[in-house]
Amino acid sequence: TRKLKKKKSEKEDKRPRTAFTAEQLQRLKAEFQANRYITEQRRQSLAQELNLN
């Protein structure tokens, strides 16, 4: 097998994992349970409502 080379900047491009509060998780789970595929506009609105920006 052949090994793929990783880009040097790959680690630099990654954002740290977001730590959600219990309330944020509850709201996100409810939103995705009601509608699994949300629009970009709804995603941005939800992020703003949950102070995730």
N, C-alpha and C. Protein backbone atom coordinates (compact mmCIF):
# COMPACT_ATOMS: atom_id res chain seq x y z
N THR A 1 0.83 -1.20 0.00
CA THR A 1 0.00 0.00 0.00
C THR A 1 0.87 1.25 0.00
N ARG A 2 0.26 2.31 -0.41
CA ARG A 2 0.98 3.56 -0.52
C ARG A 2 0.50 4.55 0.54
N LYS A 3 1.42 5.18 1.21
CA LYS A 3 1.05 6.16 2.23
C LYS A 3 0.89 7.54 1.58
N LEU A 4 -0.14 8.23 2.00
CA LEU A 4 -0.36 9.58 1.50
C LEU A 4 0.37 10.58 2.37
N LYS A 5 0.94 11.57 1.74
CA LYS A 5 1.63 12.61 2.49
C LYS A 5 0.61 13.60 3.03
N LYS A 6 0.77 13.97 4.28
CA LYS A 6 -0.11 14.96 4.87
C LYS A 6 0.48 16.34 4.64
N LYS A 7 -0.41 17.29 4.41
CA LYS A 7 0.05 18.66 4.24
C LYS A 7 0.57 19.20 5.57
N LYS A 8 1.60 19.99 5.52
CA LYS A 8 2.15 20.58 6.74
C LYS A 8 1.15 21.51 7.40
N SER A 9 0.35 22.20 6.59
CA SER A 9 -0.58 23.19 7.14
C SER A 9 -1.90 22.56 7.59
N GLU A 10 -2.04 21.25 7.47
CA GLU A 10 -3.29 20.58 7.83
C GLU A 10 -3.66 20.82 9.29
N LYS A 11 -2.69 20.74 10.19
CA LYS A 11 -2.95 20.97 11.61
C LYS A 11 -3.29 22.43 11.86
N GLU A 12 -2.66 23.32 11.13
CA GLU A 12 -2.90 24.75 11.29
C GLU A 12 -4.31 25.14 10.86
N ASP A 13 -4.88 24.42 9.89
CA ASP A 13 -6.19 24.74 9.36
C ASP A 13 -7.33 24.29 10.27
N LYS A 14 -7.07 23.37 11.16
CA LYS A 14 -8.14 22.83 12.01
C LYS A 14 -8.48 23.80 13.13
N ARG A 15 -9.80 23.93 13.37
CA ARG A 15 -10.26 24.73 14.51
C ARG A 15 -10.35 23.83 15.72
N PRO A 16 -10.20 24.42 16.90
CA PRO A 16 -10.39 23.59 18.10
C PRO A 16 -11.85 23.16 18.22
N ARG A 17 -12.08 22.03 18.83
CA ARG A 17 -13.43 21.51 19.00
C ARG A 17 -14.23 22.43 19.91
N THR A 18 -15.48 22.69 19.53
CA THR A 18 -16.36 23.55 20.33
C THR A 18 -16.91 22.78 21.51
N ALA A 19 -16.83 23.37 22.69
CA ALA A 19 -17.40 22.76 23.89
C ALA A 19 -18.77 23.40 24.12
N PHE A 20 -19.83 22.64 23.86
CA PHE A 20 -21.19 23.15 24.00
C PHE A 20 -21.66 23.06 25.44
N THR A 21 -22.48 24.04 25.85
CA THR A 21 -23.11 23.97 27.16
C THR A 21 -24.27 22.99 27.08
N ALA A 22 -24.81 22.59 28.22
CA ALA A 22 -25.94 21.67 28.25
C ALA A 22 -27.14 22.28 27.52
N GLU A 23 -27.37 23.57 27.72
CA GLU A 23 -28.49 24.26 27.06
C GLU A 23 -28.30 24.29 25.54
N GLN A 24 -27.08 24.58 25.09
CA GLN A 24 -26.80 24.61 23.65
C GLN A 24 -27.02 23.23 23.04
N LEU A 25 -26.55 22.19 23.71
CA LEU A 25 -26.73 20.83 23.21
C LEU A 25 -28.21 20.47 23.11
N GLN A 26 -28.97 20.84 24.11
CA GLN A 26 -30.40 20.55 24.12
C GLN A 26 -31.10 21.22 22.94
N ARG A 27 -30.78 22.50 22.71
CA ARG A 27 -31.38 23.24 21.59
C ARG A 27 -30.96 22.67 20.25
N LEU A 28 -29.68 22.31 20.12
CA LEU A 28 -29.18 21.75 18.86
C LEU A 28 -29.83 20.40 18.57
N LYS A 29 -29.93 19.55 19.58
CA LYS A 29 -30.55 18.24 19.40
C LYS A 29 -32.01 18.39 18.98
N ALA A 30 -32.73 19.31 19.63
CA ALA A 30 -34.14 19.54 19.29
C ALA A 30 -34.27 20.05 17.86
N GLU A 31 -33.41 20.96 17.46
CA GLU A 31 -33.45 21.52 16.11
C GLU A 31 -33.20 20.44 15.06
N PHE A 32 -32.18 19.62 15.27
CA PHE A 32 -31.84 18.60 14.28
C PHE A 32 -32.79 17.41 14.31
N GLN A 33 -33.48 17.23 15.43
CA GLN A 33 -34.50 16.18 15.49
C GLN A 33 -35.72 16.61 14.67
N ALA A 34 -36.05 17.90 14.74
CA ALA A 34 -37.19 18.44 13.99
C ALA A 34 -36.88 18.54 12.50
N ASN A 35 -35.64 18.91 12.17
CA ASN A 35 -35.26 19.10 10.77
C ASN A 35 -33.80 18.75 10.61
N ARG A 36 -33.55 17.59 10.06
CA ARG A 36 -32.18 17.09 9.95
C ARG A 36 -31.30 17.93 9.02
N TYR A 37 -31.92 18.51 8.00
CA TYR A 37 -31.18 19.31 7.02
C TYR A 37 -31.61 20.77 7.13
N ILE A 38 -30.85 21.56 7.86
CA ILE A 38 -31.20 22.97 8.03
C ILE A 38 -30.51 23.82 6.96
N THR A 39 -31.12 24.95 6.66
CA THR A 39 -30.55 25.85 5.66
C THR A 39 -29.38 26.62 6.26
N GLU A 40 -28.58 27.20 5.40
CA GLU A 40 -27.45 28.02 5.85
C GLU A 40 -27.97 29.18 6.70
N GLN A 41 -29.07 29.78 6.26
CA GLN A 41 -29.65 30.91 7.00
C GLN A 41 -30.08 30.46 8.40
N ARG A 42 -30.72 29.29 8.51
CA ARG A 42 -31.17 28.80 9.82
C ARG A 42 -29.97 28.44 10.70
N ARG A 43 -28.94 27.87 10.09
CA ARG A 43 -27.73 27.52 10.84
C ARG A 43 -27.09 28.76 11.44
N GLN A 44 -27.00 29.82 10.64
CA GLN A 44 -26.42 31.07 11.13
C GLN A 44 -27.28 31.69 12.22
N SER A 45 -28.59 31.63 12.03
CA SER A 45 -29.53 32.17 13.02
C SER A 45 -29.41 31.41 14.34
N LEU A 46 -29.35 30.10 14.24
CA LEU A 46 -29.22 29.26 15.43
C LEU A 46 -27.90 29.53 16.15
N ALA A 47 -26.83 29.68 15.40
CA ALA A 47 -25.53 29.98 15.99
C ALA A 47 -25.57 31.30 16.74
N GLN A 48 -26.25 32.28 16.16
CA GLN A 48 -26.36 33.58 16.81
C GLN A 48 -27.21 33.47 18.08
N GLU A 49 -28.33 32.74 18.01
CA GLU A 49 -29.20 32.55 19.16
C GLU A 49 -28.46 31.87 20.32
N LEU A 50 -27.57 30.95 19.98
CA LEU A 50 -26.85 30.18 20.99
C LEU A 50 -25.48 30.76 21.34
N ASN A 51 -25.20 31.95 20.82
CA ASN A 51 -23.91 32.63 21.06
C ASN A 51 -22.73 31.77 20.63
N LEU A 52 -22.82 31.20 19.44
CA LEU A 52 -21.74 30.36 18.93
C LEU A 52 -20.90 31.06 17.86
N ASN A 53 -21.14 32.35 17.64
CA ASN A 53 -20.38 33.08 16.61
C ASN A 53 -19.08 33.55 17.19
